[in-house]
Amino acid sequence: MNDTNTIEEITPAEWEVMRIIWTLGQASAHQVIDLLQQKRDWSDSTIKTLLGRLVKKGLLETSKDGRSFIYKPLISETAAMNGTASQLFSHLCAMKRGKTLVELIETLPLSRGDIETLQAALAKKLPDAPEMVDCDCLPGGMQETDCNCKEDHHD
C-alpha cells in the first residue's frame, strides 16, 4: 500500500468512493455503484468516472474478475486521512494550528478512548513544546508580538 504523506488531493466525491472500498476491503464497480446510489443521486457513469480517477491517482488498483472490475485500495485509510490533514494544516498559520485543533476537538464527536489517546499524546508532547510557535506566513518567521496573525479578524 502507498502510505506516503504526499498523496494527490482527494475530492469530497472521491472520499465517498474510497470510504466504501476501505470499509469493504475491496469492491466491484457494481457494489460501489449500488452503495453510493443509496446515498447520492449519482449516475453509474459518474461513479465509474470517480473510480477511474482514483485509479489514475494511484489510490486504487483494479483487476478483472470475469465480467466485473474489482477495486482495491493502494493507500490505507489512515494514511490518506493523515496525509490530507497534514496538507490542510501546512496551509494554516503555524500560530493558529493549535487553536484550530482545539475547535475541532470541541465540535467533533469523540469516544472516551479517543479523548484518552489525545490526552496521552498531549502529555507526551508538553515537556518539549515551545512557549510559543512563530508565525510562518511570511519568509523569515515573525515573533508573536510582530504578527497580526494572533488577532483573529474573522470572529
N, C-alpha and C. Protein backbone atom coordinates (compact mmCIF):
# COMPACT_ATOMS: atom_id res chain seq x y z
N MET A 1 0.82 -1.20 0.00
CA MET A 1 0.00 0.00 0.00
C MET A 1 0.86 1.25 0.00
N ASN A 2 0.40 2.26 -0.67
CA ASN A 2 1.07 3.55 -0.76
C ASN A 2 0.71 4.37 0.47
N ASP A 3 1.60 4.42 1.49
CA ASP A 3 1.31 5.12 2.73
C ASP A 3 2.14 6.39 2.87
N THR A 4 2.22 7.17 1.82
CA THR A 4 3.01 8.39 1.88
C THR A 4 2.14 9.56 2.31
N ASN A 5 2.80 10.63 2.77
CA ASN A 5 2.09 11.85 3.12
C ASN A 5 1.90 12.76 1.92
N THR A 6 2.40 12.37 0.76
CA THR A 6 2.29 13.20 -0.43
C THR A 6 1.30 12.58 -1.39
N ILE A 7 0.08 12.45 -0.93
CA ILE A 7 -0.97 11.91 -1.80
C ILE A 7 -1.57 13.04 -2.61
N GLU A 8 -2.06 12.69 -3.78
CA GLU A 8 -2.75 13.68 -4.58
C GLU A 8 -4.08 14.00 -3.89
N GLU A 9 -4.51 15.23 -4.01
CA GLU A 9 -5.74 15.66 -3.33
C GLU A 9 -6.92 14.77 -3.71
N ILE A 10 -7.68 14.40 -2.71
CA ILE A 10 -8.87 13.58 -2.90
C ILE A 10 -10.08 14.50 -2.77
N THR A 11 -10.93 14.51 -3.78
CA THR A 11 -12.13 15.36 -3.74
C THR A 11 -13.16 14.76 -2.79
N PRO A 12 -14.13 15.55 -2.34
CA PRO A 12 -15.18 15.01 -1.47
C PRO A 12 -15.90 13.80 -2.08
N ALA A 13 -16.19 13.85 -3.37
CA ALA A 13 -16.86 12.72 -4.02
C ALA A 13 -15.96 11.48 -4.03
N GLU A 14 -14.66 11.68 -4.26
CA GLU A 14 -13.72 10.57 -4.25
C GLU A 14 -13.60 9.96 -2.85
N TRP A 15 -13.67 10.82 -1.82
CA TRP A 15 -13.65 10.30 -0.44
C TRP A 15 -14.80 9.33 -0.22
N GLU A 16 -15.96 9.65 -0.75
CA GLU A 16 -17.12 8.77 -0.57
C GLU A 16 -16.87 7.40 -1.20
N VAL A 17 -16.27 7.39 -2.37
CA VAL A 17 -15.94 6.12 -3.03
C VAL A 17 -14.89 5.37 -2.21
N MET A 18 -13.85 6.07 -1.81
CA MET A 18 -12.77 5.41 -1.06
C MET A 18 -13.28 4.84 0.26
N ARG A 19 -14.16 5.56 0.94
CA ARG A 19 -14.66 5.06 2.24
C ARG A 19 -15.39 3.73 2.06
N ILE A 20 -16.11 3.59 0.98
CA ILE A 20 -16.79 2.31 0.71
C ILE A 20 -15.77 1.21 0.49
N ILE A 21 -14.76 1.48 -0.31
CA ILE A 21 -13.77 0.45 -0.64
C ILE A 21 -12.92 0.12 0.59
N TRP A 22 -12.55 1.11 1.39
CA TRP A 22 -11.81 0.83 2.63
C TRP A 22 -12.65 -0.03 3.57
N THR A 23 -13.92 0.29 3.67
CA THR A 23 -14.80 -0.45 4.59
C THR A 23 -14.95 -1.90 4.15
N LEU A 24 -15.09 -2.12 2.86
CA LEU A 24 -15.27 -3.48 2.34
C LEU A 24 -13.94 -4.21 2.11
N GLY A 25 -12.85 -3.48 2.03
CA GLY A 25 -11.56 -4.09 1.75
C GLY A 25 -11.26 -4.15 0.25
N GLN A 26 -12.26 -4.43 -0.51
CA GLN A 26 -12.25 -4.39 -1.97
C GLN A 26 -13.69 -4.39 -2.41
N ALA A 27 -13.96 -3.94 -3.62
CA ALA A 27 -15.35 -3.88 -4.08
C ALA A 27 -15.39 -3.89 -5.60
N SER A 28 -16.43 -4.47 -6.10
CA SER A 28 -16.66 -4.42 -7.55
C SER A 28 -17.28 -3.07 -7.88
N ALA A 29 -17.17 -2.69 -9.14
CA ALA A 29 -17.79 -1.44 -9.58
C ALA A 29 -19.28 -1.48 -9.27
N HIS A 30 -19.90 -2.63 -9.48
CA HIS A 30 -21.33 -2.78 -9.23
C HIS A 30 -21.67 -2.53 -7.76
N GLN A 31 -20.87 -3.06 -6.84
CA GLN A 31 -21.09 -2.84 -5.41
C GLN A 31 -20.99 -1.36 -5.06
N VAL A 32 -19.94 -0.72 -5.58
CA VAL A 32 -19.74 0.70 -5.29
C VAL A 32 -20.92 1.51 -5.82
N ILE A 33 -21.34 1.21 -7.03
CA ILE A 33 -22.47 1.93 -7.63
C ILE A 33 -23.73 1.72 -6.78
N ASP A 34 -24.03 0.48 -6.42
CA ASP A 34 -25.22 0.20 -5.62
C ASP A 34 -25.20 0.94 -4.29
N LEU A 35 -24.07 0.90 -3.60
CA LEU A 35 -23.99 1.54 -2.28
C LEU A 35 -24.03 3.06 -2.38
N LEU A 36 -23.32 3.63 -3.34
CA LEU A 36 -23.32 5.09 -3.47
C LEU A 36 -24.69 5.62 -3.90
N GLN A 37 -25.38 4.87 -4.74
CA GLN A 37 -26.68 5.33 -5.19
C GLN A 37 -27.74 5.27 -4.09
N GLN A 38 -27.44 4.56 -3.00
CA GLN A 38 -28.33 4.59 -1.83
C GLN A 38 -28.15 5.89 -1.05
N LYS A 39 -26.97 6.52 -1.21
CA LYS A 39 -26.67 7.76 -0.50
C LYS A 39 -26.79 9.00 -1.38
N ARG A 40 -26.46 8.86 -2.65
CA ARG A 40 -26.36 10.01 -3.55
C ARG A 40 -27.14 9.75 -4.83
N ASP A 41 -27.54 10.81 -5.45
CA ASP A 41 -28.26 10.71 -6.72
C ASP A 41 -27.26 10.82 -7.87
N TRP A 42 -26.32 9.86 -7.91
CA TRP A 42 -25.28 9.87 -8.92
C TRP A 42 -25.53 8.76 -9.94
N SER A 43 -25.21 9.06 -11.20
CA SER A 43 -25.39 8.06 -12.26
C SER A 43 -24.26 7.03 -12.21
N ASP A 44 -24.51 5.90 -12.86
CA ASP A 44 -23.48 4.86 -12.97
C ASP A 44 -22.20 5.44 -13.58
N SER A 45 -22.36 6.25 -14.64
CA SER A 45 -21.18 6.76 -15.33
C SER A 45 -20.39 7.73 -14.45
N THR A 46 -21.06 8.51 -13.61
CA THR A 46 -20.37 9.41 -12.69
C THR A 46 -19.50 8.60 -11.73
N ILE A 47 -20.06 7.55 -11.18
CA ILE A 47 -19.33 6.72 -10.22
C ILE A 47 -18.18 6.00 -10.90
N LYS A 48 -18.39 5.51 -12.10
CA LYS A 48 -17.30 4.87 -12.85
C LYS A 48 -16.18 5.87 -13.15
N THR A 49 -16.55 7.12 -13.44
CA THR A 49 -15.55 8.16 -13.67
C THR A 49 -14.73 8.40 -12.41
N LEU A 50 -15.40 8.45 -11.26
CA LEU A 50 -14.70 8.62 -9.99
C LEU A 50 -13.74 7.46 -9.74
N LEU A 51 -14.18 6.24 -9.98
CA LEU A 51 -13.31 5.08 -9.82
C LEU A 51 -12.09 5.20 -10.73
N GLY A 52 -12.31 5.60 -11.98
CA GLY A 52 -11.21 5.77 -12.93
C GLY A 52 -10.21 6.83 -12.47
N ARG A 53 -10.71 7.93 -11.93
CA ARG A 53 -9.83 8.99 -11.43
C ARG A 53 -8.97 8.48 -10.27
N LEU A 54 -9.59 7.70 -9.39
CA LEU A 54 -8.86 7.17 -8.23
C LEU A 54 -7.78 6.18 -8.66
N VAL A 55 -8.04 5.42 -9.73
CA VAL A 55 -7.01 4.53 -10.28
C VAL A 55 -5.88 5.37 -10.87
N LYS A 56 -6.21 6.43 -11.63
CA LYS A 56 -5.19 7.30 -12.23
C LYS A 56 -4.34 7.99 -11.17
N LYS A 57 -4.94 8.33 -10.04
CA LYS A 57 -4.22 8.99 -8.96
C LYS A 57 -3.36 8.01 -8.16
N GLY A 58 -3.49 6.71 -8.47
CA GLY A 58 -2.70 5.72 -7.76
C GLY A 58 -3.25 5.36 -6.39
N LEU A 59 -4.51 5.64 -6.17
CA LEU A 59 -5.14 5.34 -4.88
C LEU A 59 -5.89 4.01 -4.89
N LEU A 60 -6.26 3.55 -6.08
CA LEU A 60 -6.92 2.26 -6.25
C LEU A 60 -6.22 1.47 -7.34
N GLU A 61 -6.27 0.15 -7.19
CA GLU A 61 -5.85 -0.72 -8.29
C GLU A 61 -7.09 -1.49 -8.72
N THR A 62 -7.08 -1.92 -9.94
CA THR A 62 -8.23 -2.64 -10.46
C THR A 62 -7.78 -3.96 -11.07
N SER A 63 -8.63 -4.95 -10.93
CA SER A 63 -8.40 -6.24 -11.57
C SER A 63 -9.73 -6.72 -12.10
N LYS A 64 -9.66 -7.62 -13.07
CA LYS A 64 -10.88 -8.12 -13.68
C LYS A 64 -11.20 -9.49 -13.10
N ASP A 65 -12.45 -9.68 -12.72
CA ASP A 65 -12.93 -10.95 -12.21
C ASP A 65 -14.15 -11.32 -13.05
N GLY A 66 -13.91 -12.12 -14.08
CA GLY A 66 -14.99 -12.41 -15.02
C GLY A 66 -15.36 -11.14 -15.77
N ARG A 67 -16.61 -10.73 -15.63
CA ARG A 67 -17.06 -9.51 -16.30
C ARG A 67 -17.01 -8.30 -15.37
N SER A 68 -16.61 -8.50 -14.14
CA SER A 68 -16.59 -7.41 -13.16
C SER A 68 -15.18 -6.87 -12.96
N PHE A 69 -15.12 -5.58 -12.65
CA PHE A 69 -13.88 -4.96 -12.23
C PHE A 69 -13.89 -4.87 -10.71
N ILE A 70 -12.80 -5.31 -10.09
CA ILE A 70 -12.64 -5.27 -8.65
C ILE A 70 -11.63 -4.18 -8.30
N TYR A 71 -11.99 -3.35 -7.34
CA TYR A 71 -11.13 -2.24 -6.92
C TYR A 71 -10.61 -2.49 -5.52
N LYS A 72 -9.30 -2.28 -5.35
CA LYS A 72 -8.65 -2.43 -4.05
C LYS A 72 -7.87 -1.17 -3.75
N PRO A 73 -7.84 -0.75 -2.48
CA PRO A 73 -7.09 0.46 -2.14
C PRO A 73 -5.58 0.22 -2.19
N LEU A 74 -4.86 1.21 -2.67
CA LEU A 74 -3.40 1.19 -2.67
C LEU A 74 -2.83 2.06 -1.56
N ILE A 75 -3.71 2.70 -0.81
CA ILE A 75 -3.32 3.53 0.33
C ILE A 75 -4.29 3.21 1.47
N SER A 76 -3.78 3.16 2.67
CA SER A 76 -4.66 2.88 3.80
C SER A 76 -5.50 4.11 4.10
N GLU A 77 -6.62 3.88 4.73
CA GLU A 77 -7.49 4.99 5.11
C GLU A 77 -6.77 5.93 6.07
N THR A 78 -6.04 5.36 7.02
CA THR A 78 -5.30 6.17 7.99
C THR A 78 -4.26 7.05 7.29
N ALA A 79 -3.52 6.48 6.35
CA ALA A 79 -2.52 7.26 5.63
C ALA A 79 -3.16 8.38 4.81
N ALA A 80 -4.29 8.09 4.19
CA ALA A 80 -4.98 9.12 3.40
C ALA A 80 -5.50 10.24 4.31
N MET A 81 -6.08 9.87 5.44
CA MET A 81 -6.60 10.87 6.38
C MET A 81 -5.46 11.71 6.94
N ASN A 82 -4.37 11.06 7.35
CA ASN A 82 -3.23 11.79 7.91
C ASN A 82 -2.57 12.69 6.87
N GLY A 83 -2.44 12.18 5.65
CA GLY A 83 -1.85 12.99 4.58
C GLY A 83 -2.70 14.20 4.26
N THR A 84 -4.01 14.01 4.21
CA THR A 84 -4.91 15.12 3.93
C THR A 84 -4.90 16.15 5.05
N ALA A 85 -4.91 15.68 6.29
CA ALA A 85 -4.86 16.59 7.44
C ALA A 85 -3.54 17.36 7.45
N SER A 86 -2.43 16.67 7.16
CA SER A 86 -1.12 17.33 7.12
C SER A 86 -1.08 18.40 6.03
N GLN A 87 -1.64 18.07 4.86
CA GLN A 87 -1.68 19.05 3.77
C GLN A 87 -2.50 20.26 4.18
N LEU A 88 -3.66 20.04 4.80
CA LEU A 88 -4.50 21.14 5.23
C LEU A 88 -3.77 22.02 6.25
N PHE A 89 -3.20 21.39 7.28
CA PHE A 89 -2.55 22.16 8.33
C PHE A 89 -1.30 22.87 7.83
N SER A 90 -0.67 22.36 6.78
CA SER A 90 0.51 23.04 6.24
C SER A 90 0.14 24.37 5.59
N HIS A 91 -1.13 24.56 5.27
CA HIS A 91 -1.59 25.81 4.67
C HIS A 91 -2.02 26.84 5.71
N LEU A 92 -2.11 26.44 6.97
CA LEU A 92 -2.56 27.33 8.03
C LEU A 92 -1.38 28.00 8.71
N CYS A 93 -1.60 29.19 9.23
CA CYS A 93 -0.57 29.87 10.01
C CYS A 93 -0.19 28.97 11.18
N ALA A 94 1.10 28.77 11.38
CA ALA A 94 1.58 27.89 12.45
C ALA A 94 1.06 28.32 13.82
N MET A 95 0.88 29.63 14.01
CA MET A 95 0.39 30.14 15.29
C MET A 95 -1.07 29.75 15.54
N LYS A 96 -1.83 29.48 14.48
CA LYS A 96 -3.26 29.20 14.62
C LYS A 96 -3.61 27.72 14.58
N ARG A 97 -2.64 26.87 14.33
CA ARG A 97 -2.93 25.44 14.22
C ARG A 97 -3.47 24.88 15.53
N GLY A 98 -2.89 25.27 16.66
CA GLY A 98 -3.36 24.78 17.95
C GLY A 98 -4.80 25.18 18.21
N LYS A 99 -5.12 26.43 17.92
CA LYS A 99 -6.50 26.92 18.12
C LYS A 99 -7.46 26.14 17.22
N THR A 100 -7.04 25.86 16.00
CA THR A 100 -7.89 25.10 15.09
C THR A 100 -8.12 23.69 15.62
N LEU A 101 -7.07 23.07 16.15
CA LEU A 101 -7.22 21.74 16.74
C LEU A 101 -8.18 21.76 17.92
N VAL A 102 -8.07 22.77 18.77
CA VAL A 102 -8.97 22.89 19.92
C VAL A 102 -10.42 23.00 19.44
N GLU A 103 -10.66 23.83 18.44
CA GLU A 103 -12.02 23.99 17.92
C GLU A 103 -12.55 22.69 17.33
N LEU A 104 -11.69 21.94 16.64
CA LEU A 104 -12.10 20.64 16.12
C LEU A 104 -12.45 19.68 17.25
N ILE A 105 -11.60 19.63 18.26
CA ILE A 105 -11.84 18.73 19.40
C ILE A 105 -13.15 19.08 20.10
N GLU A 106 -13.43 20.37 20.20
CA GLU A 106 -14.66 20.80 20.88
C GLU A 106 -15.91 20.47 20.08
N THR A 107 -15.80 20.39 18.77
CA THR A 107 -17.00 20.18 17.95
C THR A 107 -17.19 18.76 17.43
N LEU A 108 -16.12 17.99 17.31
CA LEU A 108 -16.24 16.62 16.78
C LEU A 108 -16.69 15.65 17.87
N PRO A 109 -17.55 14.69 17.51
CA PRO A 109 -17.86 13.64 18.49
C PRO A 109 -16.64 12.74 18.67
N LEU A 110 -16.23 12.53 19.92
CA LEU A 110 -15.06 11.71 20.23
C LEU A 110 -15.44 10.69 21.29
N SER A 111 -14.92 9.48 21.15
CA SER A 111 -15.14 8.45 22.16
C SER A 111 -14.24 8.72 23.36
N ARG A 112 -14.54 8.06 24.46
CA ARG A 112 -13.67 8.18 25.64
C ARG A 112 -12.25 7.72 25.31
N GLY A 113 -12.15 6.66 24.51
CA GLY A 113 -10.83 6.17 24.10
C GLY A 113 -10.07 7.21 23.29
N ASP A 114 -10.78 7.89 22.38
CA ASP A 114 -10.14 8.96 21.60
C ASP A 114 -9.62 10.05 22.52
N ILE A 115 -10.44 10.44 23.49
CA ILE A 115 -10.05 11.51 24.41
C ILE A 115 -8.84 11.10 25.24
N GLU A 116 -8.83 9.86 25.72
CA GLU A 116 -7.69 9.37 26.50
C GLU A 116 -6.42 9.35 25.65
N THR A 117 -6.54 8.94 24.39
CA THR A 117 -5.39 8.92 23.49
C THR A 117 -4.88 10.33 23.24
N LEU A 118 -5.80 11.27 23.03
CA LEU A 118 -5.40 12.68 22.84
C LEU A 118 -4.70 13.22 24.08
N GLN A 119 -5.25 12.92 25.25
CA GLN A 119 -4.64 13.40 26.49
C GLN A 119 -3.22 12.84 26.65
N ALA A 120 -3.04 11.57 26.34
CA ALA A 120 -1.72 10.95 26.45
C ALA A 120 -0.74 11.58 25.45
N ALA A 121 -1.20 11.81 24.22
CA ALA A 121 -0.33 12.42 23.21
C ALA A 121 0.07 13.83 23.61
N LEU A 122 -0.88 14.60 24.15
CA LEU A 122 -0.57 15.96 24.58
C LEU A 122 0.38 15.96 25.77
N ALA A 123 0.16 15.05 26.71
CA ALA A 123 1.05 14.96 27.88
C ALA A 123 2.47 14.62 27.46
N LYS A 124 2.61 13.76 26.47
CA LYS A 124 3.94 13.38 25.97
C LYS A 124 4.62 14.55 25.24
N LYS A 125 3.82 15.35 24.54
CA LYS A 125 4.36 16.46 23.76
C LYS A 125 4.69 17.68 24.63
N LEU A 126 4.00 17.84 25.75
CA LEU A 126 4.12 19.03 26.58
C LEU A 126 5.55 19.35 27.03
N PRO A 127 6.34 18.40 27.52
CA PRO A 127 7.68 18.76 28.03
C PRO A 127 8.59 19.42 26.99
N ASP A 128 8.42 19.10 25.71
CA ASP A 128 9.29 19.64 24.66
C ASP A 128 8.63 20.77 23.87
N ALA A 129 7.41 21.15 24.25
CA ALA A 129 6.68 22.17 23.49
C ALA A 129 7.29 23.56 23.74
N PRO A 130 7.40 24.37 22.69
CA PRO A 130 7.91 25.73 22.89
C PRO A 130 6.86 26.59 23.60
N GLU A 131 7.30 27.67 24.19
CA GLU A 131 6.36 28.60 24.84
C GLU A 131 5.41 29.18 23.81
N MET A 132 5.93 29.43 22.60
CA MET A 132 5.11 30.00 21.54
C MET A 132 5.61 29.47 20.20
N VAL A 133 4.71 29.36 19.26
CA VAL A 133 5.05 28.93 17.91
C VAL A 133 5.09 30.19 17.04
N ASP A 134 6.17 30.35 16.28
CA ASP A 134 6.31 31.52 15.43
C ASP A 134 5.38 31.45 14.23
N CYS A 135 4.95 32.60 13.79
CA CYS A 135 4.17 32.73 12.57
C CYS A 135 5.05 32.29 11.39
N ASP A 136 4.46 31.57 10.46
CA ASP A 136 5.21 31.17 9.27
C ASP A 136 4.56 31.68 7.98
N CYS A 137 3.76 32.75 8.14
CA CYS A 137 3.04 33.29 6.98
C CYS A 137 3.96 34.06 6.02
N LEU A 138 5.00 34.68 6.59
CA LEU A 138 5.94 35.45 5.78
C LEU A 138 7.32 34.83 5.90
N PRO A 139 8.17 35.04 4.90
CA PRO A 139 9.53 34.49 4.98
C PRO A 139 10.27 34.99 6.22
N GLY A 140 11.07 34.12 6.81
CA GLY A 140 11.88 34.50 7.95
C GLY A 140 11.17 34.37 9.28
N GLY A 141 9.88 34.10 9.27
CA GLY A 141 9.13 33.95 10.51
C GLY A 141 9.03 35.26 11.26
N MET A 142 8.05 35.36 12.08
CA MET A 142 7.84 36.57 12.87
C MET A 142 7.54 36.13 14.29
N GLN A 143 7.90 36.95 15.24
CA GLN A 143 7.53 36.70 16.63
C GLN A 143 6.07 37.10 16.81
N GLU A 144 5.42 36.51 17.79
CA GLU A 144 4.01 36.79 18.04
C GLU A 144 3.76 38.28 18.20
N THR A 145 4.69 39.00 18.82
CA THR A 145 4.50 40.42 19.07
C THR A 145 4.52 41.23 17.78
N ASP A 146 5.14 40.71 16.71
CA ASP A 146 5.23 41.43 15.45
C ASP A 146 4.15 41.03 14.45
N CYS A 147 3.36 40.05 14.80
CA CYS A 147 2.47 39.42 13.81
C CYS A 147 1.01 39.74 14.08
N ASN A 148 0.31 40.11 13.04
CA ASN A 148 -1.13 40.35 13.15
C ASN A 148 -1.92 39.05 13.11
N CYS A 149 -1.25 37.92 12.85
CA CYS A 149 -1.93 36.64 12.78
C CYS A 149 -2.57 36.27 14.11
N LYS A 150 -2.00 36.76 15.21
CA LYS A 150 -2.55 36.40 16.52
C LYS A 150 -3.95 36.97 16.70
N GLU A 151 -4.26 38.02 15.96
CA GLU A 151 -5.60 38.61 16.04
C GLU A 151 -6.47 37.91 15.01
N ASP A 152 -7.58 37.40 15.45
CA ASP A 152 -8.47 36.71 14.53
C ASP A 152 -9.51 37.72 14.07
N HIS A 153 -9.33 38.25 12.88
CA HIS A 153 -10.20 39.30 12.35
C HIS A 153 -11.53 38.77 11.85
N HIS A 154 -11.71 37.46 11.88
CA HIS A 154 -12.92 36.86 11.29
C HIS A 154 -13.88 36.33 12.32
N ASP A 155 -13.67 36.56 13.60
CA ASP A 155 -14.58 36.05 14.64
C ASP A 155 -15.88 36.83 14.65
